[in-house]
């Protein structure tokens, strides 16, 4: 007899949904790497394109799997993939998880998964919370030299511009996927 968390997860998540979360998290990481390689590193267009694709894939996933906790699960899988594949800075993982918790909590309070526009707002909240918490963590690391922090802010702003473009592109992508019958809601 199964008890506790495993039983509750079994009742909440289907294997198909867990696979979708894993596939979308993997796809978002791999496309980010490919865009960074193709654009030649850290440049404004590459940064905008990486955030655009990440937000677009996240929005499509949240429309496809409309269950509370999907965003948090996506963030955990994405953070684990970043740590294993990229050897990324460990300081970037807590802002991702904190932003996911904030967005999930607000989404749960306002029942964002039950409304079409709620999923878009949830994704936008996650993106803005991630950028703000990342800026806060960056400020804590470089607070002795504010000039360095001033260099970071435009990169975060360009990243959010890509996220906003990703929300717009994701909205139209979801419309087309609904028309094709891939997303039903």
C-alpha atoms as a PDB file:
ATOM      1  CA  UNK A   1       0.000   0.000   0.000  1.00  0.00           C
ATOM      2  CA  UNK A   2       1.433   3.348  -1.070  1.00  0.00           C
ATOM      3  CA  UNK A   3       1.131   6.243   1.292  1.00  0.00           C
ATOM      4  CA  UNK A   4       2.175   9.839   1.510  1.00  0.00           C
ATOM      5  CA  UNK A   5       3.716  11.890  -1.213  1.00  0.00           C
ATOM      6  CA  UNK A   6       4.122   9.098  -3.778  1.00  0.00           C
ATOM      7  CA  UNK A   7       0.420   8.263  -3.624  1.00  0.00           C
ATOM      8  CA  UNK A   8      -0.610  11.907  -3.951  1.00  0.00           C
ATOM      9  CA  UNK A   9       1.725  12.429  -6.893  1.00  0.00           C
ATOM     10  CA  UNK A  10       0.348   9.306  -8.555  1.00  0.00           C
ATOM     11  CA  UNK A  11      -3.164  10.683  -8.250  1.00  0.00           C
ATOM     12  CA  UNK A  12      -2.155  14.123  -9.484  1.00  0.00           C
ATOM     13  CA  UNK A  13       0.268  13.478 -12.353  1.00  0.00           C
ATOM     14  CA  UNK A  14      -0.029  11.125 -15.284  1.00  0.00           C
ATOM     15  CA  UNK A  15       3.118   9.698 -16.882  1.00  0.00           C
ATOM     16  CA  UNK A  16       2.341  11.547 -20.131  1.00  0.00           C
ATOM     17  CA  UNK A  17       2.316  14.875 -18.290  1.00  0.00           C
ATOM     18  CA  UNK A  18       5.593  14.181 -16.518  1.00  0.00           C
ATOM     19  CA  UNK A  19       7.192  13.246 -19.825  1.00  0.00           C
ATOM     20  CA  UNK A  20       5.885  16.480 -21.374  1.00  0.00           C
ATOM     21  CA  UNK A  21       7.434  18.541 -18.570  1.00  0.00           C
ATOM     22  CA  UNK A  22      10.756  16.754 -19.046  1.00  0.00           C
ATOM     23  CA  UNK A  23      10.691  17.146 -22.807  1.00  0.00           C
ATOM     24  CA  UNK A  24       9.842  20.843 -22.649  1.00  0.00           C
ATOM     25  CA  UNK A  25      12.513  21.515 -19.991  1.00  0.00           C
ATOM     26  CA  UNK A  26      15.089  19.656 -22.081  1.00  0.00           C
ATOM     27  CA  UNK A  27      14.042  21.416 -25.258  1.00  0.00           C
ATOM     28  CA  UNK A  28      14.239  24.835 -23.630  1.00  0.00           C
ATOM     29  CA  UNK A  29      17.774  24.147 -22.355  1.00  0.00           C
ATOM     30  CA  UNK A  30      19.025  22.679 -25.613  1.00  0.00           C
ATOM     31  CA  UNK A  31      17.618  25.519 -27.706  1.00  0.00           C
ATOM     32  CA  UNK A  32      19.173  28.033 -25.317  1.00  0.00           C
ATOM     33  CA  UNK A  33      22.550  26.365 -25.815  1.00  0.00           C
ATOM     34  CA  UNK A  34      22.114  26.254 -29.586  1.00  0.00           C
ATOM     35  CA  UNK A  35      21.056  29.903 -29.755  1.00  0.00           C
ATOM     36  CA  UNK A  36      24.029  30.925 -27.607  1.00  0.00           C
ATOM     37  CA  UNK A  37      26.391  28.963 -29.847  1.00  0.00           C
ATOM     38  CA  UNK A  38      24.850  30.265 -33.069  1.00  0.00           C
ATOM     39  CA  UNK A  39      24.813  33.887 -31.901  1.00  0.00           C
ATOM     40  CA  UNK A  40      28.410  33.807 -30.769  1.00  0.00           C
ATOM     41  CA  UNK A  41      27.872  34.182 -27.028  1.00  0.00           C
ATOM     42  CA  UNK A  42      26.462  37.039 -24.997  1.00  0.00           C
ATOM     43  CA  UNK A  43      25.045  39.551 -27.414  1.00  0.00           C
ATOM     44  CA  UNK A  44      21.702  41.376 -27.305  1.00  0.00           C
ATOM     45  CA  UNK A  45      20.012  39.450 -30.112  1.00  0.00           C
ATOM     46  CA  UNK A  46      21.077  36.079 -28.725  1.00  0.00           C
ATOM     47  CA  UNK A  47      19.866  37.056 -25.259  1.00  0.00           C
ATOM     48  CA  UNK A  48      16.498  38.175 -26.594  1.00  0.00           C
ATOM     49  CA  UNK A  49      16.156  35.011 -28.715  1.00  0.00           C
ATOM     50  CA  UNK A  50      17.030  32.687 -25.804  1.00  0.00           C
ATOM     51  CA  UNK A  51      14.427  34.274 -23.535  1.00  0.00           C
ATOM     52  CA  UNK A  52      11.858  34.346 -26.327  1.00  0.00           C
ATOM     53  CA  UNK A  53      12.180  30.605 -26.957  1.00  0.00           C
ATOM     54  CA  UNK A  54      12.244  29.763 -23.223  1.00  0.00           C
ATOM     55  CA  UNK A  55       9.055  31.734 -22.528  1.00  0.00           C
ATOM     56  CA  UNK A  56       7.314  30.425 -25.645  1.00  0.00           C
ATOM     57  CA  UNK A  57       8.010  26.795 -24.685  1.00  0.00           C
ATOM     58  CA  UNK A  58       6.979  27.408 -21.080  1.00  0.00           C
ATOM     59  CA  UNK A  59       3.694  28.977 -22.153  1.00  0.00           C
ATOM     60  CA  UNK A  60       2.894  26.108 -24.522  1.00  0.00           C
ATOM     61  CA  UNK A  61       3.696  23.612 -21.736  1.00  0.00           C
ATOM     62  CA  UNK A  62       1.453  25.393 -19.236  1.00  0.00           C
ATOM     63  CA  UNK A  63      -1.400  25.373 -21.742  1.00  0.00           C
ATOM     64  CA  UNK A  64      -0.837  21.686 -22.471  1.00  0.00           C
ATOM     65  CA  UNK A  65      -0.527  20.578 -18.809  1.00  0.00           C
ATOM     66  CA  UNK A  66      -2.899  22.749 -16.790  1.00  0.00           C
ATOM     67  CA  UNK A  67      -2.250  21.533 -13.284  1.00  0.00           C
ATOM     68  CA  UNK A  68      -0.967  23.399 -10.245  1.00  0.00           C
ATOM     69  CA  UNK A  69       2.669  22.545  -9.735  1.00  0.00           C
ATOM     70  CA  UNK A  70       3.558  22.278 -13.426  1.00  0.00           C
ATOM     71  CA  UNK A  71       5.610  25.463 -13.332  1.00  0.00           C
ATOM     72  CA  UNK A  72       7.425  24.358 -10.184  1.00  0.00           C
ATOM     73  CA  UNK A  73       8.192  20.956 -11.684  1.00  0.00           C
ATOM     74  CA  UNK A  74       9.423  22.626 -14.876  1.00  0.00           C
ATOM     75  CA  UNK A  75      11.697  24.908 -12.825  1.00  0.00           C
ATOM     76  CA  UNK A  76      13.144  21.995 -10.832  1.00  0.00           C
ATOM     77  CA  UNK A  77      13.844  19.919 -13.955  1.00  0.00           C
ATOM     78  CA  UNK A  78      15.284  22.961 -15.719  1.00  0.00           C
ATOM     79  CA  UNK A  79      17.535  23.766 -12.744  1.00  0.00           C
ATOM     80  CA  UNK A  80      18.762  20.172 -12.539  1.00  0.00           C
ATOM     81  CA  UNK A  81      19.482  20.150 -16.275  1.00  0.00           C
ATOM     82  CA  UNK A  82      21.395  23.415 -15.979  1.00  0.00           C
ATOM     83  CA  UNK A  83      23.500  22.055 -13.159  1.00  0.00           C
ATOM     84  CA  UNK A  84      24.240  18.746 -14.892  1.00  0.00           C
ATOM     85  CA  UNK A  85      24.691  19.870 -18.497  1.00  0.00           C
ATOM     86  CA  UNK A  86      26.070  23.338 -18.261  1.00  0.00           C
ATOM     87  CA  UNK A  87      27.783  23.368 -14.878  1.00  0.00           C
ATOM     88  CA  UNK A  88      26.046  26.686 -14.361  1.00  0.00           C
ATOM     89  CA  UNK A  89      26.519  28.977 -11.424  1.00  0.00           C
ATOM     90  CA  UNK A  90      24.734  27.556  -8.403  1.00  0.00           C
ATOM     91  CA  UNK A  91      23.596  31.082  -7.520  1.00  0.00           C
ATOM     92  CA  UNK A  92      21.232  31.076 -10.511  1.00  0.00           C
ATOM     93  CA  UNK A  93      19.232  28.089  -9.245  1.00  0.00           C
ATOM     94  CA  UNK A  94      17.639  29.687  -6.131  1.00  0.00           C
ATOM     95  CA  UNK A  95      16.188  32.655  -8.071  1.00  0.00           C
ATOM     96  CA  UNK A  96      14.612  30.208 -10.538  1.00  0.00           C
ATOM     97  CA  UNK A  97      13.024  28.162  -7.762  1.00  0.00           C
ATOM     98  CA  UNK A  98      11.924  31.217  -5.757  1.00  0.00           C
ATOM     99  CA  UNK A  99      10.301  32.728  -8.856  1.00  0.00           C
ATOM    100  CA  UNK A 100       8.500  29.443  -9.537  1.00  0.00           C
ATOM    101  CA  UNK A 101       7.199  29.284  -5.955  1.00  0.00           C
ATOM    102  CA  UNK A 102       6.013  32.906  -6.094  1.00  0.00           C
ATOM    103  CA  UNK A 103       4.263  32.419  -9.440  1.00  0.00           C
ATOM    104  CA  UNK A 104       2.707  29.086  -8.387  1.00  0.00           C
ATOM    105  CA  UNK A 105       1.425  30.585  -5.132  1.00  0.00           C
ATOM    106  CA  UNK A 106      -0.169  33.531  -6.914  1.00  0.00           C
ATOM    107  CA  UNK A 107      -1.492  31.227  -9.627  1.00  0.00           C
ATOM    108  CA  UNK A 108      -3.018  28.942  -7.007  1.00  0.00           C
ATOM    109  CA  UNK A 109      -4.659  31.871  -5.186  1.00  0.00           C
ATOM    110  CA  UNK A 110      -6.187  33.260  -8.374  1.00  0.00           C
ATOM    111  CA  UNK A 111      -6.854  29.882 -10.067  1.00  0.00           C
ATOM    112  CA  UNK A 112      -4.696  30.785 -13.052  1.00  0.00           C
ATOM    113  CA  UNK A 113      -4.774  27.300 -14.540  1.00  0.00           C
ATOM    114  CA  UNK A 114      -8.550  27.467 -14.982  1.00  0.00           C
ATOM    115  CA  UNK A 115      -8.485  30.493 -17.282  1.00  0.00           C
ATOM    116  CA  UNK A 116      -6.779  30.984 -20.626  1.00  0.00           C
ATOM    117  CA  UNK A 117      -5.492  34.439 -19.755  1.00  0.00           C
ATOM    118  CA  UNK A 118      -4.449  33.152 -16.326  1.00  0.00           C
ATOM    119  CA  UNK A 119      -1.769  30.946 -17.869  1.00  0.00           C
ATOM    120  CA  UNK A 120      -0.340  33.929 -19.732  1.00  0.00           C
ATOM    121  CA  UNK A 121      -0.334  36.018 -16.546  1.00  0.00           C
ATOM    122  CA  UNK A 122       1.262  33.134 -14.636  1.00  0.00           C
ATOM    123  CA  UNK A 123       4.065  32.903 -17.199  1.00  0.00           C
ATOM    124  CA  UNK A 124       4.568  36.679 -17.130  1.00  0.00           C
ATOM    125  CA  UNK A 125       4.669  36.644 -13.312  1.00  0.00           C
ATOM    126  CA  UNK A 126       7.253  33.871 -13.364  1.00  0.00           C
ATOM    127  CA  UNK A 127       9.419  35.758 -15.849  1.00  0.00           C
ATOM    128  CA  UNK A 128       9.294  39.063 -13.970  1.00  0.00           C
ATOM    129  CA  UNK A 129       9.822  37.373 -10.596  1.00  0.00           C
ATOM    130  CA  UNK A 130      12.809  35.470 -11.979  1.00  0.00           C
ATOM    131  CA  UNK A 131      14.369  38.651 -13.349  1.00  0.00           C
ATOM    132  CA  UNK A 132      13.753  40.615 -10.123  1.00  0.00           C
ATOM    133  CA  UNK A 133      15.074  37.865  -7.844  1.00  0.00           C
ATOM    134  CA  UNK A 134      18.097  37.437 -10.127  1.00  0.00           C
ATOM    135  CA  UNK A 135      18.771  41.172  -9.895  1.00  0.00           C
ATOM    136  CA  UNK A 136      18.488  40.941  -6.108  1.00  0.00           C
ATOM    137  CA  UNK A 137      20.959  38.057  -5.966  1.00  0.00           C
ATOM    138  CA  UNK A 138      23.300  39.930  -8.302  1.00  0.00           C
ATOM    139  CA  UNK A 139      23.101  43.025  -6.128  1.00  0.00           C
ATOM    140  CA  UNK A 140      24.006  40.984  -3.053  1.00  0.00           C
ATOM    141  CA  UNK A 141      27.078  39.624  -4.828  1.00  0.00           C
ATOM    142  CA  UNK A 142      28.396  42.928  -6.162  1.00  0.00           C
ATOM    143  CA  UNK A 143      27.068  45.425  -3.624  1.00  0.00           C
ATOM    144  CA  UNK A 144      30.564  46.790  -2.917  1.00  0.00           C
ATOM    145  CA  UNK A 145      30.923  47.957  -6.514  1.00  0.00           C
ATOM    146  CA  UNK A 146      27.650  49.372  -7.877  1.00  0.00           C
ATOM    147  CA  UNK A 147      29.260  50.029 -11.264  1.00  0.00           C
ATOM    148  CA  UNK A 148      29.301  46.295 -11.945  1.00  0.00           C
ATOM    149  CA  UNK A 149      25.614  46.093 -11.046  1.00  0.00           C
ATOM    150  CA  UNK A 150      24.859  48.858 -13.543  1.00  0.00           C
ATOM    151  CA  UNK A 151      26.327  46.637 -16.264  1.00  0.00           C
ATOM    152  CA  UNK A 152      24.050  43.717 -15.315  1.00  0.00           C
ATOM    153  CA  UNK A 153      20.765  45.652 -15.420  1.00  0.00           C
ATOM    154  CA  UNK A 154      20.628  46.193 -19.221  1.00  0.00           C
ATOM    155  CA  UNK A 155      21.230  42.472 -19.810  1.00  0.00           C
ATOM    156  CA  UNK A 156      18.315  41.600 -17.519  1.00  0.00           C
ATOM    157  CA  UNK A 157      16.143  44.200 -19.284  1.00  0.00           C
ATOM    158  CA  UNK A 158      17.004  42.746 -22.695  1.00  0.00           C
ATOM    159  CA  UNK A 159      16.200  39.294 -21.348  1.00  0.00           C
ATOM    160  CA  UNK A 160      12.795  40.495 -20.203  1.00  0.00           C
ATOM    161  CA  UNK A 161      12.180  42.068 -23.609  1.00  0.00           C
ATOM    162  CA  UNK A 162      12.751  38.596 -25.052  1.00  0.00           C
ATOM    163  CA  UNK A 163      10.334  37.162 -22.494  1.00  0.00           C
ATOM    164  CA  UNK A 164       7.622  39.637 -23.471  1.00  0.00           C
ATOM    165  CA  UNK A 165       8.153  38.771 -27.134  1.00  0.00           C
ATOM    166  CA  UNK A 166       7.977  35.103 -26.110  1.00  0.00           C
ATOM    167  CA  UNK A 167       4.614  35.700 -24.441  1.00  0.00           C
ATOM    168  CA  UNK A 168       3.285  37.244 -27.630  1.00  0.00           C
ATOM    169  CA  UNK A 169       4.722  34.491 -29.832  1.00  0.00           C
ATOM    170  CA  UNK A 170       3.493  31.857 -27.360  1.00  0.00           C
ATOM    171  CA  UNK A 171      -0.036  33.253 -27.453  1.00  0.00           C
ATOM    172  CA  UNK A 172      -0.178  32.956 -31.239  1.00  0.00           C
ATOM    173  CA  UNK A 173       1.510  29.542 -31.148  1.00  0.00           C
ATOM    174  CA  UNK A 174      -1.091  28.263 -28.707  1.00  0.00           C
ATOM    175  CA  UNK A 175      -3.861  29.572 -30.986  1.00  0.00           C
ATOM    176  CA  UNK A 176      -2.400  27.604 -33.877  1.00  0.00           C
ATOM    177  CA  UNK A 177      -1.880  24.495 -31.744  1.00  0.00           C
ATOM    178  CA  UNK A 178      -5.515  24.703 -30.628  1.00  0.00           C
ATOM    179  CA  UNK A 179      -6.599  25.009 -34.239  1.00  0.00           C
ATOM    180  CA  UNK A 180      -4.532  21.924 -35.056  1.00  0.00           C
ATOM    181  CA  UNK A 181      -6.097  20.030 -32.142  1.00  0.00           C
ATOM    182  CA  UNK A 182      -2.843  19.520 -30.247  1.00  0.00           C
ATOM    183  CA  UNK A 183      -3.969  21.648 -27.292  1.00  0.00           C
ATOM    184  CA  UNK A 184      -7.517  21.155 -26.055  1.00  0.00           C
ATOM    185  CA  UNK A 185      -8.974  23.698 -23.685  1.00  0.00           C
END
